[in-house]
Amino acid sequence: MIRVLVVDDQAMVRAGFAALLDAQPDVEVVGQAPDGAAGVELARTHRPDVVLMDVRMPVLNGIEATRALLDDAAEHRPKVLMLTTFDIDDHVYAAIRAGASGFLLKDALPDELVAAVRVIAAGEALLAPTVTRRMIEHFARVPAPAPAPSLDRLTEREREVLVLVARGLSNTEIAEALVIAEQTVKSHVSRIIAKLGVRDRVQAVVAAYDGGLVAPAA
């Protein structure tokens, strides 16, 4: 079972997401919170696998709550799926910097939300297709808040794969571009994440831009 915590300041939205997810045979909603501060406390108590986190909330917003949940000293660090009403939102960029594993618009279809939770829980990363390329290129224009992970430890093939990941290609598309098996792409991505010491695919993309491996489109 995938244990999920729903954090959103709108009661009807929160209840709707919780009902949708709880109806799935492989998902259990372990709690609901109206703001980031309450969400952090519930997450520490219930130890969910995935936190569905709104970006804009009172008391403690989704970005600060994500930072608190994913702090290196935290005993339990769940995957965080950010939700927002806006497809271009500087808050989202900050949330990804904070370590969120995914980003989805609130107007996504129910099936898309359920699929996103499963993807995040499986250790993958997810970004809404409408903002993927704009999001990753944003990082090239904003100074990194900390030194970027060294890309020197990557092999040439791993660097090729990372470039394609940073351009928004799926594993299937990367496999077709490099004429290799999709499972091989997955193995390369796993090794890239391990070598860079990042949490997931999204953070690897950020590292690729911060490290100068990929430049934004003109």
Protein backbone atom coordinates (compact mmCIF):
# COMPACT_ATOMS: atom_id res chain seq x y z
CA MET A 1 0.00 0.00 0.00
CA ILE A 2 1.11 3.55 -0.78
CA ARG A 3 0.60 5.71 2.30
CA VAL A 4 -0.41 9.27 1.34
CA LEU A 5 -0.80 12.50 3.31
CA VAL A 6 -2.88 15.28 1.69
CA VAL A 7 -1.90 18.86 2.60
CA ASP A 8 -4.08 21.66 1.18
CA ASP A 9 -5.71 24.71 2.76
CA GLN A 10 -8.97 24.30 0.81
CA ALA A 11 -11.19 21.84 2.67
CA MET A 12 -13.20 20.71 -0.37
CA VAL A 13 -10.10 20.22 -2.49
CA ARG A 14 -8.37 18.35 0.32
CA ALA A 15 -11.36 16.08 0.89
CA GLY A 16 -11.78 15.46 -2.82
CA PHE A 17 -8.17 14.40 -3.31
CA ALA A 18 -8.32 12.21 -0.22
CA ALA A 19 -11.52 10.47 -1.36
CA LEU A 20 -10.15 9.88 -4.85
CA LEU A 21 -6.90 8.39 -3.58
CA ASP A 22 -8.46 6.36 -0.75
CA ALA A 23 -10.71 4.66 -3.31
CA GLN A 24 -7.67 3.13 -5.01
CA PRO A 25 -6.86 -0.47 -4.06
CA ASP A 26 -3.17 0.28 -3.56
CA VAL A 27 -3.43 3.66 -1.79
CA GLU A 28 -4.21 4.54 1.82
CA VAL A 29 -4.72 8.17 2.89
CA VAL A 30 -3.22 8.35 6.38
CA GLY A 31 -4.07 11.97 7.09
CA GLN A 32 -5.15 15.41 5.92
CA ALA A 33 -3.72 18.79 6.92
CA PRO A 34 -4.89 22.39 6.24
CA ASP A 35 -1.42 23.96 6.16
CA GLY A 36 2.27 23.12 5.89
CA ALA A 37 2.99 23.22 9.62
CA ALA A 38 0.24 20.71 10.39
CA GLY A 39 1.38 18.66 7.41
CA VAL A 40 4.93 18.39 8.73
CA GLU A 41 3.66 17.26 12.14
CA LEU A 42 1.32 14.66 10.64
CA ALA A 43 4.07 13.39 8.34
CA ARG A 44 6.37 12.84 11.31
CA THR A 45 3.59 10.95 13.10
CA HIS A 46 2.17 8.86 10.24
CA ARG A 47 5.32 8.49 8.09
CA PRO A 48 3.60 8.57 4.65
CA ASP A 49 5.32 7.40 1.48
CA VAL A 50 4.00 10.38 -0.49
CA VAL A 51 2.88 13.84 0.60
CA LEU A 52 0.48 15.61 -1.74
CA MET A 53 1.47 19.22 -1.01
CA ASP A 54 -0.20 22.46 -2.07
CA VAL A 55 2.26 25.28 -2.81
CA ARG A 56 0.37 28.28 -1.42
CA MET A 57 -0.92 27.83 2.14
CA PRO A 58 -1.15 29.83 5.38
CA VAL A 59 1.00 29.30 8.50
CA LEU A 60 3.70 27.43 6.55
CA ASN A 61 3.69 27.26 2.75
CA GLY A 62 4.39 24.15 0.74
CA ILE A 63 7.98 25.11 -0.04
CA GLU A 64 9.02 25.57 3.59
CA ALA A 65 7.09 22.45 4.57
CA THR A 66 8.92 20.48 1.88
CA ARG A 67 12.27 21.75 3.14
CA ALA A 68 11.34 20.69 6.65
CA LEU A 69 10.23 17.23 5.54
CA LEU A 70 13.30 16.61 3.41
CA ASP A 71 15.89 18.06 5.77
CA ASP A 72 18.93 15.77 5.93
CA ALA A 73 18.41 15.37 9.67
CA ALA A 74 14.83 14.16 9.27
CA GLU A 75 14.20 10.60 10.42
CA HIS A 76 11.68 9.96 7.66
CA ARG A 77 11.76 11.68 4.28
CA PRO A 78 8.68 11.03 2.14
CA LYS A 79 8.35 11.81 -1.55
CA VAL A 80 6.64 15.16 -2.12
CA LEU A 81 4.25 15.80 -5.01
CA MET A 82 3.55 19.52 -5.31
CA LEU A 83 0.18 20.81 -6.49
CA THR A 84 -0.52 24.29 -7.82
CA THR A 85 -3.16 26.18 -9.77
CA PHE A 86 -0.55 27.93 -11.89
CA ASP A 87 1.47 26.36 -14.71
CA ILE A 88 4.21 29.01 -14.45
CA ASP A 89 4.94 29.74 -10.82
CA ASP A 90 8.24 30.80 -9.27
CA HIS A 91 7.08 29.02 -6.13
CA VAL A 92 7.21 25.76 -8.05
CA TYR A 93 10.83 26.35 -9.02
CA ALA A 94 11.68 26.92 -5.37
CA ALA A 95 9.80 23.75 -4.42
CA ILE A 96 11.83 21.67 -6.85
CA ARG A 97 14.99 23.24 -5.41
CA ALA A 98 13.73 22.23 -1.98
CA GLY A 99 13.65 18.61 -3.09
CA ALA A 100 10.11 17.92 -4.29
CA SER A 101 9.95 14.87 -6.56
CA GLY A 102 7.10 16.06 -8.72
CA PHE A 103 4.80 18.84 -9.76
CA LEU A 104 1.24 18.59 -11.04
CA LEU A 105 -1.43 21.16 -11.86
CA LYS A 106 -4.61 21.05 -9.80
CA ASP A 107 -6.69 20.79 -12.97
CA ALA A 108 -5.07 17.45 -13.85
CA LEU A 109 -7.50 14.63 -14.52
CA PRO A 110 -8.22 12.25 -11.64
CA ASP A 111 -6.39 9.40 -13.39
CA GLU A 112 -3.36 11.65 -13.83
CA LEU A 113 -3.25 12.43 -10.12
CA VAL A 114 -3.49 8.77 -9.16
CA ALA A 115 -0.82 7.84 -11.69
CA ALA A 116 1.42 10.64 -10.39
CA VAL A 117 1.21 9.35 -6.83
CA ARG A 118 2.18 5.87 -8.01
CA VAL A 119 5.08 7.20 -10.06
CA ILE A 120 6.41 9.24 -7.14
CA ALA A 121 6.00 6.33 -4.71
CA ALA A 122 7.97 4.07 -7.06
CA GLY A 123 10.95 6.40 -6.77
CA GLU A 124 10.57 8.12 -10.11
CA ALA A 125 10.01 11.83 -10.63
CA LEU A 126 7.22 13.62 -12.41
CA LEU A 127 6.61 17.04 -13.85
CA ALA A 128 3.51 18.26 -15.65
CA PRO A 129 4.33 18.06 -19.38
CA THR A 130 3.11 21.63 -19.97
CA VAL A 131 5.87 23.06 -17.80
CA THR A 132 8.73 20.55 -17.97
CA ARG A 133 10.95 22.35 -20.45
CA ARG A 134 10.18 25.81 -19.08
CA MET A 135 10.92 24.61 -15.57
CA ILE A 136 14.27 23.01 -16.31
CA GLU A 137 15.42 25.95 -18.40
CA HIS A 138 14.53 28.31 -15.58
CA PHE A 139 17.30 26.81 -13.47
CA ALA A 140 19.91 27.83 -16.01
CA ARG A 141 18.90 31.47 -15.55
CA VAL A 142 18.81 31.46 -11.77
CA PRO A 143 22.07 31.20 -9.79
CA ALA A 144 22.36 27.92 -7.89
CA PRO A 145 21.98 28.42 -4.12
CA ALA A 146 24.77 25.91 -3.48
CA PRO A 147 27.66 24.35 -5.45
CA ALA A 148 26.38 21.96 -8.10
CA PRO A 149 27.23 18.26 -7.79
CA SER A 150 30.34 17.38 -9.81
CA LEU A 151 29.53 15.86 -13.20
CA ASP A 152 33.10 14.60 -13.65
CA ARG A 153 32.29 11.21 -12.14
CA LEU A 154 29.79 10.44 -14.92
CA THR A 155 30.83 8.33 -17.91
CA GLU A 156 30.38 9.75 -21.39
CA ARG A 157 27.28 7.61 -21.94
CA GLU A 158 25.80 8.73 -18.63
CA ARG A 159 26.37 12.34 -19.61
CA GLU A 160 24.58 11.70 -22.92
CA VAL A 161 21.64 10.21 -21.06
CA LEU A 162 21.55 13.09 -18.58
CA VAL A 163 21.47 15.64 -21.39
CA LEU A 164 18.41 13.92 -22.87
CA VAL A 165 16.74 13.66 -19.46
CA ALA A 166 17.34 17.39 -19.01
CA ARG A 167 15.68 18.06 -22.34
CA GLY A 168 12.51 16.44 -21.05
CA LEU A 169 12.71 13.10 -22.87
CA SER A 170 11.15 9.99 -21.34
CA ASN A 171 13.09 6.75 -20.91
CA THR A 172 11.40 5.36 -24.02
CA GLU A 173 12.40 8.40 -26.09
CA ILE A 174 15.97 8.25 -24.78
CA ALA A 175 16.19 4.57 -25.68
CA GLU A 176 15.05 5.34 -29.22
CA ALA A 177 17.46 8.27 -29.57
CA LEU A 178 20.48 6.29 -28.38
CA VAL A 179 19.36 2.96 -29.92
CA ILE A 180 19.58 1.10 -26.61
CA ALA A 181 17.11 -0.87 -24.50
CA GLU A 182 14.76 1.04 -22.21
CA GLN A 183 15.96 -1.03 -19.25
CA THR A 184 19.50 0.11 -20.04
CA VAL A 185 18.32 3.72 -19.90
CA LYS A 186 16.75 3.07 -16.48
CA SER A 187 20.04 1.61 -15.26
CA HIS A 188 21.96 4.64 -16.54
CA VAL A 189 19.53 7.03 -14.83
CA SER A 190 19.82 5.13 -11.53
CA ARG A 191 23.62 5.31 -11.69
CA ILE A 192 23.51 9.02 -12.55
CA ILE A 193 21.32 9.72 -9.52
CA ALA A 194 23.62 7.68 -7.27
CA LYS A 195 26.84 9.27 -8.57
CA LEU A 196 25.51 12.81 -8.27
CA GLY A 197 24.11 12.15 -4.81
CA VAL A 198 20.72 13.61 -5.73
CA ARG A 199 17.27 12.41 -4.70
CA ASP A 200 15.72 11.68 -8.08
CA ARG A 201 15.41 12.48 -11.78
CA VAL A 202 14.23 16.05 -11.21
CA GLN A 203 17.21 16.86 -9.02
CA ALA A 204 19.53 15.29 -11.61
CA VAL A 205 18.10 17.70 -14.20
CA VAL A 206 18.75 20.63 -11.89
CA ALA A 207 22.35 19.41 -11.46
CA ALA A 208 22.78 19.18 -15.24
CA TYR A 209 21.82 22.84 -15.66
CA ASP A 210 23.69 24.04 -12.59
CA GLY A 211 26.79 22.17 -13.74
CA GLY A 212 26.68 23.67 -17.24
CA LEU A 213 26.14 20.34 -19.00
CA VAL A 214 22.98 21.69 -20.61
CA ALA A 215 22.31 25.25 -21.74
CA PRO A 216 18.85 26.80 -22.09
CA ALA A 217 17.33 27.03 -25.53
CA ALA A 218 17.80 30.36 -27.21
